[in-house]
Amino acid sequence: MTTIRDHALIGKAKDIPVITPTPVISVSPIVLPFPHRLVNLQIRVSAPTTGNNLPIILLSHGHGRSNNLSSLNGYGPLYDFWAGHGFIVIQPTHLSSKTLSLDESIPGAKQLFWRSRVEDMTFIIDHLDQVEDLVPAIKGRLDRSKIAVVGHSMGGHTASMLLGSTLTNPDNGTVENLTEPRIKAGILIGSPGNGGDSLSTFAFDNYTFFRNPSFAEMKMSTLVVAGDADGSPHLTTRGAEWHMDPYYSSPGPKSLLTVFGGEHGFGGIAGYDVAETTDESVERVAAVQRLTWAYLRSTLYPEDPAWSVACAALKEIDGLGKVESK
């Protein structure tokens, strides 16, 4: 059998073991009619060409400055890898996307449509039958008992709420809990942390839903991925450690992957060779790909040792990162 080659520049990340990949199919845009939403929901579905009873990843995009990445058009390095290694990956275009550029006068727009983003993911789970009908190549191949959510940046906020974090609604003072019990694991990459005086003046004034989050009820198994060079001064006064709050401020079971040298782009996870990435590194992307894959494999399939094997391998590699768990 012909083996699919890794990128020649993944460096030391090649020593983090993964299964042999398969070719991938990716279908977009798929339009799901969504009553009462400002526009219908568009998604991308990516899958391996072989295999059945496949676990599902719901991938929530961030709110970056690029014209296309913050949509179903972004995150090729992640969905290609995860789909090639046995997952069905479904990623929506949220209402906050620049591809839609909805008018800021629309209710929710200035607050990045935080609630709608969460509702998008629940809607997808509710309509997996329809997704299968629209993508015949995956029909009958999904294992709906094994659903994970992953989010980057603002997408991490979306994912954290599905996993159990709450926030105080700035409009009415109520505590919002939008936990989705059908999701069994999660990964937060460069996700927002605590509010209050942890926020920059800009974030406190403009993103009022960031002011009072709580991770105390985020009890689902979650991997928090944080770059030790991800300072995000436009959002926080605390530097890179702010992105670690979802780990330290929540109960276990949790793991924290600190990516050495990782800025907000984590080497380029949002797209191949994109201007938005400030820390371009094929090796760093490969490490994030492999470690996140291993975490989800072992969390969804406890008999699979992929995560412990990957963590042991990481300990023997200088310069990529470190993992702690609780």
C-alpha atoms as a PDB file:
ATOM      1  CA  MET A   1       0.000   0.000   0.000  1.00  0.00           C
ATOM      2  CA  THR A   2       1.294   3.482  -0.876  1.00  0.00           C
ATOM      3  CA  THR A   3       1.890   5.565   2.260  1.00  0.00           C
ATOM      4  CA  ILE A   4       0.781   9.203   2.436  1.00  0.00           C
ATOM      5  CA  ARG A   5       3.842  11.285   3.268  1.00  0.00           C
ATOM      6  CA  ASP A   6       3.985  13.859   6.041  1.00  0.00           C
ATOM      7  CA  HIS A   7       5.061  17.404   5.230  1.00  0.00           C
ATOM      8  CA  ALA A   8       8.843  17.455   4.954  1.00  0.00           C
ATOM      9  CA  LEU A   9       9.125  20.294   7.489  1.00  0.00           C
ATOM     10  CA  ILE A  10       7.225  18.884  10.478  1.00  0.00           C
ATOM     11  CA  GLY A  11      10.529  18.387  12.258  1.00  0.00           C
ATOM     12  CA  LYS A  12      10.441  16.871  15.732  1.00  0.00           C
ATOM     13  CA  ALA A  13       6.644  16.637  15.684  1.00  0.00           C
ATOM     14  CA  LYS A  14       7.042  13.501  13.576  1.00  0.00           C
ATOM     15  CA  ASP A  15       7.982  11.684  16.785  1.00  0.00           C
ATOM     16  CA  ILE A  16       4.454  12.134  18.170  1.00  0.00           C
ATOM     17  CA  PRO A  17       2.833   8.947  16.857  1.00  0.00           C
ATOM     18  CA  VAL A  18      -0.452   8.821  14.961  1.00  0.00           C
ATOM     19  CA  ILE A  19      -2.226   6.238  12.846  1.00  0.00           C
ATOM     20  CA  THR A  20      -1.677   5.982   9.101  1.00  0.00           C
ATOM     21  CA  PRO A  21      -3.798   8.623   7.333  1.00  0.00           C
ATOM     22  CA  THR A  22      -6.303   8.073   4.563  1.00  0.00           C
ATOM     23  CA  PRO A  23      -7.407  10.387   1.727  1.00  0.00           C
ATOM     24  CA  VAL A  24     -10.036  12.982   2.614  1.00  0.00           C
ATOM     25  CA  ILE A  25     -13.187  14.278   0.984  1.00  0.00           C
ATOM     26  CA  SER A  26     -14.417  17.763   1.858  1.00  0.00           C
ATOM     27  CA  VAL A  27     -17.773  19.140   0.729  1.00  0.00           C
ATOM     28  CA  SER A  28     -18.885  22.786   0.927  1.00  0.00           C
ATOM     29  CA  PRO A  29     -20.926  24.859   1.057  1.00  0.00           C
ATOM     30  CA  ILE A  30     -23.805  22.795   2.363  1.00  0.00           C
ATOM     31  CA  VAL A  31     -26.832  24.906   3.226  1.00  0.00           C
ATOM     32  CA  LEU A  32     -29.049  23.977   6.163  1.00  0.00           C
ATOM     33  CA  PRO A  33     -32.336  25.910   6.313  1.00  0.00           C
ATOM     34  CA  PHE A  34     -32.441  27.540   9.761  1.00  0.00           C
ATOM     35  CA  PRO A  35     -35.757  29.207  10.636  1.00  0.00           C
ATOM     36  CA  HIS A  36     -35.530  32.578  12.399  1.00  0.00           C
ATOM     37  CA  ARG A  37     -31.740  32.823  11.845  1.00  0.00           C
ATOM     38  CA  LEU A  38     -30.664  35.933   9.910  1.00  0.00           C
ATOM     39  CA  VAL A  39     -29.336  33.714   7.111  1.00  0.00           C
ATOM     40  CA  ASN A  40     -29.406  29.963   6.603  1.00  0.00           C
ATOM     41  CA  LEU A  41     -26.512  27.992   8.059  1.00  0.00           C
ATOM     42  CA  GLN A  42     -23.682  27.042   5.716  1.00  0.00           C
ATOM     43  CA  ILE A  43     -21.314  24.239   6.710  1.00  0.00           C
ATOM     44  CA  ARG A  44     -18.350  22.265   5.441  1.00  0.00           C
ATOM     45  CA  VAL A  45     -18.177  18.505   6.007  1.00  0.00           C
ATOM     46  CA  SER A  46     -14.851  16.680   5.774  1.00  0.00           C
ATOM     47  CA  ALA A  47     -14.401  12.937   6.140  1.00  0.00           C
ATOM     48  CA  PRO A  48     -12.007  10.086   5.457  1.00  0.00           C
ATOM     49  CA  THR A  49     -12.759   8.155   2.292  1.00  0.00           C
ATOM     50  CA  THR A  50     -12.978   4.911   4.261  1.00  0.00           C
ATOM     51  CA  GLY A  51     -14.332   3.757   7.592  1.00  0.00           C
ATOM     52  CA  ASN A  52     -17.613   3.530   9.487  1.00  0.00           C
ATOM     53  CA  ASN A  53     -18.826   4.401  12.986  1.00  0.00           C
ATOM     54  CA  LEU A  54     -16.755   7.557  12.745  1.00  0.00           C
ATOM     55  CA  PRO A  55     -16.593  10.079  15.623  1.00  0.00           C
ATOM     56  CA  ILE A  56     -17.617  13.673  14.949  1.00  0.00           C
ATOM     57  CA  ILE A  57     -15.797  16.951  15.550  1.00  0.00           C
ATOM     58  CA  LEU A  58     -17.742  20.213  15.476  1.00  0.00           C
ATOM     59  CA  LEU A  59     -15.200  22.964  14.698  1.00  0.00           C
ATOM     60  CA  SER A  60     -15.972  26.587  15.603  1.00  0.00           C
ATOM     61  CA  HIS A  61     -13.940  29.286  13.853  1.00  0.00           C
ATOM     62  CA  GLY A  62     -12.479  32.401  15.432  1.00  0.00           C
ATOM     63  CA  HIS A  63     -12.990  36.081  14.733  1.00  0.00           C
ATOM     64  CA  GLY A  64      -9.755  37.022  13.005  1.00  0.00           C
ATOM     65  CA  ARG A  65      -9.073  39.875  10.640  1.00  0.00           C
ATOM     66  CA  SER A  66      -8.900  37.782   7.457  1.00  0.00           C
ATOM     67  CA  ASN A  67     -11.671  37.952   4.890  1.00  0.00           C
ATOM     68  CA  ASN A  68     -12.210  34.187   4.607  1.00  0.00           C
ATOM     69  CA  LEU A  69     -10.570  32.213   7.413  1.00  0.00           C
ATOM     70  CA  SER A  70     -13.252  32.952   9.993  1.00  0.00           C
ATOM     71  CA  SER A  71     -15.787  30.795   8.198  1.00  0.00           C
ATOM     72  CA  LEU A  72     -16.168  27.312   6.771  1.00  0.00           C
ATOM     73  CA  ASN A  73     -13.297  28.279   4.441  1.00  0.00           C
ATOM     74  CA  GLY A  74     -10.719  28.278   7.241  1.00  0.00           C
ATOM     75  CA  TYR A  75      -8.792  25.752   9.301  1.00  0.00           C
ATOM     76  CA  GLY A  76      -7.687  23.478   6.481  1.00  0.00           C
ATOM     77  CA  PRO A  77      -4.654  22.250   8.460  1.00  0.00           C
ATOM     78  CA  LEU A  78      -6.976  20.989  11.198  1.00  0.00           C
ATOM     79  CA  TYR A  79      -9.870  19.508   9.268  1.00  0.00           C
ATOM     80  CA  ASP A  80      -7.580  17.878   6.716  1.00  0.00           C
ATOM     81  CA  PHE A  81      -5.587  16.179   9.455  1.00  0.00           C
ATOM     82  CA  TRP A  82      -8.460  15.130  11.670  1.00  0.00           C
ATOM     83  CA  ALA A  83     -10.536  13.814   8.771  1.00  0.00           C
ATOM     84  CA  GLY A  84      -7.516  12.000   7.383  1.00  0.00           C
ATOM     85  CA  HIS A  85      -7.133  10.295  10.743  1.00  0.00           C
ATOM     86  CA  GLY A  86     -10.661   9.034  11.204  1.00  0.00           C
ATOM     87  CA  PHE A  87     -12.990  11.872  12.187  1.00  0.00           C
ATOM     88  CA  ILE A  88     -15.974  13.482  10.504  1.00  0.00           C
ATOM     89  CA  VAL A  89     -15.370  17.252  10.822  1.00  0.00           C
ATOM     90  CA  ILE A  90     -18.283  19.692  10.525  1.00  0.00           C
ATOM     91  CA  GLN A  91     -17.608  23.425  10.560  1.00  0.00           C
ATOM     92  CA  PRO A  92     -20.199  26.174  10.236  1.00  0.00           C
ATOM     93  CA  THR A  93     -19.954  29.783   9.164  1.00  0.00           C
ATOM     94  CA  HIS A  94     -21.159  31.726  12.203  1.00  0.00           C
ATOM     95  CA  LEU A  95     -23.028  35.021  11.886  1.00  0.00           C
ATOM     96  CA  SER A  96     -19.931  36.898  13.106  1.00  0.00           C
ATOM     97  CA  SER A  97     -17.980  35.877   9.999  1.00  0.00           C
ATOM     98  CA  LYS A  98     -16.555  38.581   7.756  1.00  0.00           C
ATOM     99  CA  THR A  99     -17.838  36.528   4.809  1.00  0.00           C
ATOM    100  CA  LEU A 100     -21.308  37.679   5.898  1.00  0.00           C
ATOM    101  CA  SER A 101     -20.318  41.125   7.226  1.00  0.00           C
ATOM    102  CA  LEU A 102     -23.703  41.679   8.801  1.00  0.00           C
ATOM    103  CA  ASP A 103     -24.544  45.243   9.777  1.00  0.00           C
ATOM    104  CA  GLU A 104     -23.381  46.190  13.263  1.00  0.00           C
ATOM    105  CA  SER A 105     -26.791  47.679  14.006  1.00  0.00           C
ATOM    106  CA  ILE A 106     -28.270  44.162  14.056  1.00  0.00           C
ATOM    107  CA  PRO A 107     -28.869  42.972  17.634  1.00  0.00           C
ATOM    108  CA  GLY A 108     -25.979  40.749  18.729  1.00  0.00           C
ATOM    109  CA  ALA A 109     -23.567  41.871  16.031  1.00  0.00           C
ATOM    110  CA  LYS A 110     -21.302  43.987  18.227  1.00  0.00           C
ATOM    111  CA  GLN A 111     -21.182  41.111  20.719  1.00  0.00           C
ATOM    112  CA  LEU A 112     -20.004  38.711  17.976  1.00  0.00           C
ATOM    113  CA  PHE A 113     -23.315  36.831  18.003  1.00  0.00           C
ATOM    114  CA  TRP A 114     -22.036  34.782  20.946  1.00  0.00           C
ATOM    115  CA  ARG A 115     -25.382  33.073  21.585  1.00  0.00           C
ATOM    116  CA  SER A 116     -26.073  32.350  17.918  1.00  0.00           C
ATOM    117  CA  ARG A 117     -22.667  30.697  17.618  1.00  0.00           C
ATOM    118  CA  VAL A 118     -23.569  28.199  20.329  1.00  0.00           C
ATOM    119  CA  GLU A 119     -26.987  27.630  18.810  1.00  0.00           C
ATOM    120  CA  ASP A 120     -25.354  26.858  15.435  1.00  0.00           C
ATOM    121  CA  MET A 121     -23.556  23.880  16.942  1.00  0.00           C
ATOM    122  CA  THR A 122     -26.621  22.503  18.704  1.00  0.00           C
ATOM    123  CA  PHE A 123     -28.602  22.941  15.482  1.00  0.00           C
ATOM    124  CA  ILE A 124     -26.060  20.844  13.581  1.00  0.00           C
ATOM    125  CA  ILE A 125     -26.347  18.016  16.099  1.00  0.00           C
ATOM    126  CA  ASP A 126     -30.145  18.227  15.872  1.00  0.00           C
ATOM    127  CA  HIS A 127     -29.970  17.931  12.074  1.00  0.00           C
ATOM    128  CA  LEU A 128     -27.339  15.253  11.463  1.00  0.00           C
ATOM    129  CA  ASP A 129     -29.904  13.250   9.488  1.00  0.00           C
ATOM    130  CA  GLN A 130     -30.216  16.159   7.079  1.00  0.00           C
ATOM    131  CA  VAL A 131     -26.428  16.564   6.910  1.00  0.00           C
ATOM    132  CA  GLU A 132     -26.076  12.901   5.950  1.00  0.00           C
ATOM    133  CA  ASP A 133     -28.735  13.266   3.259  1.00  0.00           C
ATOM    134  CA  LEU A 134     -26.927  16.262   1.777  1.00  0.00           C
ATOM    135  CA  VAL A 135     -23.551  14.505   1.814  1.00  0.00           C
ATOM    136  CA  PRO A 136     -24.215  10.952   0.595  1.00  0.00           C
ATOM    137  CA  ALA A 137     -20.553   9.984   1.035  1.00  0.00           C
ATOM    138  CA  ILE A 138     -20.978  10.032   4.820  1.00  0.00           C
ATOM    139  CA  LYS A 139     -24.464   8.555   5.052  1.00  0.00           C
ATOM    140  CA  GLY A 140     -24.623   5.861   7.718  1.00  0.00           C
ATOM    141  CA  ARG A 141     -20.985   6.370   8.727  1.00  0.00           C
ATOM    142  CA  LEU A 142     -21.378   8.633  11.792  1.00  0.00           C
ATOM    143  CA  ASP A 143     -21.185   7.528  15.423  1.00  0.00           C
ATOM    144  CA  ARG A 144     -23.473  10.049  17.095  1.00  0.00           C
ATOM    145  CA  SER A 145     -22.546   8.852  20.568  1.00  0.00           C
ATOM    146  CA  LYS A 146     -19.037  10.252  20.093  1.00  0.00           C
ATOM    147  CA  ILE A 147     -19.250  13.985  19.418  1.00  0.00           C
ATOM    148  CA  ALA A 148     -16.512  16.462  20.305  1.00  0.00           C
ATOM    149  CA  VAL A 149     -16.350  20.234  19.930  1.00  0.00           C
ATOM    150  CA  VAL A 150     -13.218  22.228  19.126  1.00  0.00           C
ATOM    151  CA  GLY A 151     -12.897  25.988  18.929  1.00  0.00           C
ATOM    152  CA  HIS A 152     -10.104  28.456  18.249  1.00  0.00           C
ATOM    153  CA  SER A 153     -10.082  31.966  19.737  1.00  0.00           C
ATOM    154  CA  MET A 154     -13.700  33.198  19.752  1.00  0.00           C
ATOM    155  CA  GLY A 155     -14.566  29.670  18.674  1.00  0.00           C
ATOM    156  CA  GLY A 156     -13.038  28.538  21.955  1.00  0.00           C
ATOM    157  CA  HIS A 157     -15.587  30.694  23.768  1.00  0.00           C
ATOM    158  CA  THR A 158     -18.337  28.989  21.762  1.00  0.00           C
ATOM    159  CA  ALA A 159     -16.961  25.543  22.534  1.00  0.00           C
ATOM    160  CA  SER A 160     -16.510  26.305  26.234  1.00  0.00           C
ATOM    161  CA  MET A 161     -20.183  27.203  26.603  1.00  0.00           C
ATOM    162  CA  LEU A 162     -21.219  23.957  24.969  1.00  0.00           C
ATOM    163  CA  LEU A 163     -18.929  22.184  27.445  1.00  0.00           C
ATOM    164  CA  GLY A 164     -20.499  23.872  30.475  1.00  0.00           C
ATOM    165  CA  SER A 165     -18.999  27.306  31.051  1.00  0.00           C
ATOM    166  CA  THR A 166     -21.482  30.074  31.816  1.00  0.00           C
ATOM    167  CA  LEU A 167     -21.631  33.840  31.524  1.00  0.00           C
ATOM    168  CA  THR A 168     -23.664  36.640  32.985  1.00  0.00           C
ATOM    169  CA  ASN A 169     -25.757  38.150  30.239  1.00  0.00           C
ATOM    170  CA  PRO A 170     -24.858  41.861  30.128  1.00  0.00           C
ATOM    171  CA  ASP A 171     -28.310  42.744  28.810  1.00  0.00           C
ATOM    172  CA  ASN A 172     -30.373  41.329  31.671  1.00  0.00           C
ATOM    173  CA  GLY A 173     -28.016  39.998  34.349  1.00  0.00           C
ATOM    174  CA  THR A 174     -29.110  36.364  34.026  1.00  0.00           C
ATOM    175  CA  VAL A 175     -26.594  33.525  34.109  1.00  0.00           C
ATOM    176  CA  GLU A 176     -26.574  31.783  30.739  1.00  0.00           C
ATOM    177  CA  ASN A 177     -25.945  28.025  30.675  1.00  0.00           C
ATOM    178  CA  LEU A 178     -26.034  26.503  27.179  1.00  0.00           C
ATOM    179  CA  THR A 179     -24.368  23.170  27.942  1.00  0.00           C
ATOM    180  CA  GLU A 180     -24.886  20.514  25.257  1.00  0.00           C
ATOM    181  CA  PRO A 181     -24.922  17.061  26.903  1.00  0.00           C
ATOM    182  CA  ARG A 182     -24.549  15.199  23.607  1.00  0.00           C
ATOM    183  CA  ILE A 183     -20.988  16.522  23.356  1.00  0.00           C
ATOM    184  CA  LYS A 184     -18.576  14.181  25.142  1.00  0.00           C
ATOM    185  CA  ALA A 185     -15.212  15.961  24.799  1.00  0.00           C
ATOM    186  CA  GLY A 186     -13.785  19.327  23.857  1.00  0.00           C
ATOM    187  CA  ILE A 187     -10.678  21.268  22.925  1.00  0.00           C
ATOM    188  CA  LEU A 188     -10.233  25.007  23.490  1.00  0.00           C
ATOM    189  CA  ILE A 189      -7.398  26.552  21.447  1.00  0.00           C
ATOM    190  CA  GLY A 190      -6.328  30.098  22.335  1.00  0.00           C
ATOM    191  CA  SER A 191      -9.638  30.521  24.115  1.00  0.00           C
ATOM    192  CA  PRO A 192     -10.699  33.574  26.153  1.00  0.00           C
ATOM    193  CA  GLY A 193     -10.135  33.474  29.901  1.00  0.00           C
ATOM    194  CA  ASN A 194     -11.603  35.221  32.928  1.00  0.00           C
ATOM    195  CA  GLY A 195     -13.269  38.637  32.828  1.00  0.00           C
ATOM    196  CA  GLY A 196     -13.181  41.632  35.125  1.00  0.00           C
ATOM    197  CA  ASP A 197      -9.755  43.212  35.530  1.00  0.00           C
ATOM    198  CA  SER A 198      -8.228  40.477  33.356  1.00  0.00           C
ATOM    199  CA  LEU A 199      -9.704  42.254  30.333  1.00  0.00           C
ATOM    200  CA  SER A 200      -8.144  45.068  28.377  1.00  0.00           C
ATOM    201  CA  THR A 201     -10.051  48.336  28.327  1.00  0.00           C
ATOM    202  CA  PHE A 202     -11.047  47.622  24.730  1.00  0.00           C
ATOM    203  CA  ALA A 203     -12.430  44.162  25.514  1.00  0.00           C
ATOM    204  CA  PHE A 204     -14.222  45.330  28.669  1.00  0.00           C
ATOM    205  CA  ASP A 205     -15.902  48.213  26.843  1.00  0.00           C
ATOM    206  CA  ASN A 206     -16.731  46.453  23.575  1.00  0.00           C
ATOM    207  CA  TYR A 207     -17.237  42.769  24.381  1.00  0.00           C
ATOM    208  CA  THR A 208     -19.434  43.019  27.444  1.00  0.00           C
ATOM    209  CA  PHE A 209     -20.265  39.292  27.358  1.00  0.00           C
ATOM    210  CA  PHE A 210     -16.598  38.681  28.293  1.00  0.00           C
ATOM    211  CA  ARG A 211     -16.958  40.503  31.618  1.00  0.00           C
ATOM    212  CA  ASN A 212     -18.344  37.738  33.834  1.00  0.00           C
ATOM    213  CA  PRO A 213     -17.641  34.225  32.594  1.00  0.00           C
ATOM    214  CA  SER A 214     -17.433  31.208  34.882  1.00  0.00           C
ATOM    215  CA  PHE A 215     -15.698  27.903  34.201  1.00  0.00           C
ATOM    216  CA  ALA A 216     -16.832  26.368  37.495  1.00  0.00           C
ATOM    217  CA  GLU A 217     -19.489  24.228  35.785  1.00  0.00           C
ATOM    218  CA  MET A 218     -17.346  23.225  32.789  1.00  0.00           C
ATOM    219  CA  LYS A 219     -17.096  19.625  33.928  1.00  0.00           C
ATOM    220  CA  MET A 220     -16.749  17.870  30.569  1.00  0.00           C
ATOM    221  CA  SER A 221     -13.367  16.371  29.627  1.00  0.00           C
ATOM    222  CA  THR A 222     -11.494  19.190  27.904  1.00  0.00           C
ATOM    223  CA  LEU A 223      -8.039  19.921  26.548  1.00  0.00           C
ATOM    224  CA  VAL A 224      -7.014  23.577  26.818  1.00  0.00           C
ATOM    225  CA  VAL A 225      -4.337  24.556  24.282  1.00  0.00           C
ATOM    226  CA  ALA A 226      -2.451  27.767  25.042  1.00  0.00           C
ATOM    227  CA  GLY A 227       0.584  29.350  23.423  1.00  0.00           C
ATOM    228  CA  ASP A 228       3.152  30.754  25.832  1.00  0.00           C
ATOM    229  CA  ALA A 229       3.698  33.692  23.442  1.00  0.00           C
ATOM    230  CA  ASP A 230       0.001  34.430  22.861  1.00  0.00           C
ATOM    231  CA  GLY A 231      -0.183  37.762  24.657  1.00  0.00           C
ATOM    232  CA  SER A 232      -3.413  39.069  23.038  1.00  0.00           C
ATOM    233  CA  PRO A 233      -3.001  42.638  24.411  1.00  0.00           C
ATOM    234  CA  HIS A 234      -6.147  43.791  22.600  1.00  0.00           C
ATOM    235  CA  LEU A 235      -8.156  41.437  24.847  1.00  0.00           C
ATOM    236  CA  THR A 236      -6.290  40.986  28.126  1.00  0.00           C
ATOM    237  CA  THR A 237      -3.913  42.702  30.549  1.00  0.00           C
ATOM    238  CA  ARG A 238      -2.442  39.392  31.731  1.00  0.00           C
ATOM    239  CA  GLY A 239      -0.661  38.102  28.680  1.00  0.00           C
ATOM    240  CA  ALA A 240      -0.516  34.466  27.619  1.00  0.00           C
ATOM    241  CA  GLU A 241      -1.598  33.040  30.973  1.00  0.00           C
ATOM    242  CA  TRP A 242      -5.119  34.441  30.378  1.00  0.00           C
ATOM    243  CA  HIS A 243      -5.724  31.735  27.792  1.00  0.00           C
ATOM    244  CA  MET A 244      -4.969  29.105  30.457  1.00  0.00           C
ATOM    245  CA  ASP A 245      -7.858  30.215  32.703  1.00  0.00           C
ATOM    246  CA  PRO A 246     -10.308  27.645  31.307  1.00  0.00           C
ATOM    247  CA  TYR A 247      -7.956  24.967  32.642  1.00  0.00           C
ATOM    248  CA  TYR A 248      -7.103  26.445  36.034  1.00  0.00           C
ATOM    249  CA  SER A 249     -10.605  27.798  36.759  1.00  0.00           C
ATOM    250  CA  SER A 250     -12.554  24.628  35.926  1.00  0.00           C
ATOM    251  CA  PRO A 251     -12.883  21.231  37.604  1.00  0.00           C
ATOM    252  CA  GLY A 252     -11.278  18.103  36.187  1.00  0.00           C
ATOM    253  CA  PRO A 253     -10.924  16.077  34.140  1.00  0.00           C
ATOM    254  CA  LYS A 254      -8.866  18.595  32.188  1.00  0.00           C
ATOM    255  CA  SER A 255      -5.506  18.767  30.438  1.00  0.00           C
ATOM    256  CA  LEU A 256      -3.443  21.813  29.498  1.00  0.00           C
ATOM    257  CA  LEU A 257      -1.144  21.771  26.481  1.00  0.00           C
ATOM    258  CA  THR A 258       1.254  24.713  26.574  1.00  0.00           C
ATOM    259  CA  VAL A 259       2.714  25.262  23.103  1.00  0.00           C
ATOM    260  CA  PHE A 260       6.212  26.703  23.342  1.00  0.00           C
ATOM    261  CA  GLY A 261       6.620  29.780  21.159  1.00  0.00           C
ATOM    262  CA  GLY A 262       2.975  29.570  20.160  1.00  0.00           C
ATOM    263  CA  GLU A 263       1.274  32.835  19.314  1.00  0.00           C
ATOM    264  CA  HIS A 264      -2.422  33.122  18.531  1.00  0.00           C
ATOM    265  CA  GLY A 265      -2.050  31.371  15.190  1.00  0.00           C
ATOM    266  CA  PHE A 266      -0.304  28.319  16.683  1.00  0.00           C
ATOM    267  CA  GLY A 267       1.989  28.086  13.689  1.00  0.00           C
ATOM    268  CA  GLY A 268      -0.830  28.459  11.166  1.00  0.00           C
ATOM    269  CA  ILE A 269      -3.790  26.294  12.170  1.00  0.00           C
ATOM    270  CA  ALA A 270      -6.338  28.655  10.591  1.00  0.00           C
ATOM    271  CA  GLY A 271      -5.059  28.156   7.052  1.00  0.00           C
ATOM    272  CA  TYR A 272      -2.134  27.276   4.839  1.00  0.00           C
ATOM    273  CA  ASP A 273       0.387  30.125   4.369  1.00  0.00           C
ATOM    274  CA  VAL A 274      -1.998  32.848   5.511  1.00  0.00           C
ATOM    275  CA  ALA A 275      -1.119  36.455   6.318  1.00  0.00           C
ATOM    276  CA  GLU A 276      -2.941  36.286   9.644  1.00  0.00           C
ATOM    277  CA  THR A 277      -0.378  33.862  11.105  1.00  0.00           C
ATOM    278  CA  THR A 278       2.371  35.649  13.049  1.00  0.00           C
ATOM    279  CA  ASP A 279       4.291  32.522  14.116  1.00  0.00           C
ATOM    280  CA  GLU A 280       4.371  30.438  10.924  1.00  0.00           C
ATOM    281  CA  SER A 281       5.701  26.962  11.726  1.00  0.00           C
ATOM    282  CA  VAL A 282       4.885  23.679  10.017  1.00  0.00           C
ATOM    283  CA  GLU A 283       6.369  21.877  13.009  1.00  0.00           C
ATOM    284  CA  ARG A 284       4.150  23.713  15.516  1.00  0.00           C
ATOM    285  CA  VAL A 285       1.022  23.025  13.467  1.00  0.00           C
ATOM    286  CA  ALA A 286       1.955  19.349  13.238  1.00  0.00           C
ATOM    287  CA  ALA A 287       2.394  19.140  17.001  1.00  0.00           C
ATOM    288  CA  VAL A 288      -1.043  20.699  17.573  1.00  0.00           C
ATOM    289  CA  GLN A 289      -2.608  18.417  14.958  1.00  0.00           C
ATOM    290  CA  ARG A 290      -1.176  15.262  16.464  1.00  0.00           C
ATOM    291  CA  LEU A 291      -1.720  16.068  20.119  1.00  0.00           C
ATOM    292  CA  THR A 292      -5.313  17.221  19.660  1.00  0.00           C
ATOM    293  CA  TRP A 293      -6.077  14.122  17.613  1.00  0.00           C
ATOM    294  CA  ALA A 294      -4.570  11.889  20.291  1.00  0.00           C
ATOM    295  CA  TYR A 295      -6.523  13.622  23.055  1.00  0.00           C
ATOM    296  CA  LEU A 296      -9.854  13.148  21.303  1.00  0.00           C
ATOM    297  CA  ARG A 297      -9.110   9.530  20.443  1.00  0.00           C
ATOM    298  CA  SER A 298      -8.417   8.573  24.052  1.00  0.00           C
ATOM    299  CA  THR A 299     -11.207  10.712  25.519  1.00  0.00           C
ATOM    300  CA  LEU A 300     -13.865   9.311  23.197  1.00  0.00           C
ATOM    301  CA  TYR A 301     -12.365   5.808  23.271  1.00  0.00           C
ATOM    302  CA  PRO A 302     -10.866   5.272  26.756  1.00  0.00           C
ATOM    303  CA  GLU A 303      -9.294   1.996  25.674  1.00  0.00           C
ATOM    304  CA  ASP A 304      -7.174   3.841  23.086  1.00  0.00           C
ATOM    305  CA  PRO A 305      -3.754   4.818  24.569  1.00  0.00           C
ATOM    306  CA  ALA A 306      -3.106   7.505  21.923  1.00  0.00           C
ATOM    307  CA  TRP A 307      -3.058  10.395  24.428  1.00  0.00           C
ATOM    308  CA  SER A 308      -0.737   8.797  26.975  1.00  0.00           C
ATOM    309  CA  VAL A 309       1.565   7.674  24.177  1.00  0.00           C
ATOM    310  CA  ALA A 310       1.586  11.167  22.644  1.00  0.00           C
ATOM    311  CA  CYS A 311       2.281  12.809  26.019  1.00  0.00           C
ATOM    312  CA  ALA A 312       5.147  10.415  26.689  1.00  0.00           C
ATOM    313  CA  ALA A 313       6.590  11.227  23.268  1.00  0.00           C
ATOM    314  CA  LEU A 314       6.260  14.978  23.883  1.00  0.00           C
ATOM    315  CA  LYS A 315       8.267  14.689  27.105  1.00  0.00           C
ATOM    316  CA  GLU A 316      11.196  13.342  25.096  1.00  0.00           C
ATOM    317  CA  ILE A 317      11.107  16.216  22.593  1.00  0.00           C
ATOM    318  CA  ASP A 318      12.760  19.516  23.419  1.00  0.00           C
ATOM    319  CA  GLY A 319      11.102  22.766  22.465  1.00  0.00           C
ATOM    320  CA  LEU A 320       7.578  21.840  21.366  1.00  0.00           C
ATOM    321  CA  GLY A 321       5.485  22.035  24.504  1.00  0.00           C
ATOM    322  CA  LYS A 322       4.357  20.426  27.729  1.00  0.00           C
ATOM    323  CA  VAL A 323       1.194  18.849  29.129  1.00  0.00           C
ATOM    324  CA  GLU A 324      -0.269  18.859  32.611  1.00  0.00           C
ATOM    325  CA  SER A 325      -3.520  17.245  33.708  1.00  0.00           C
ATOM    326  CA  LYS A 326      -5.920  17.135  36.635  1.00  0.00           C
END
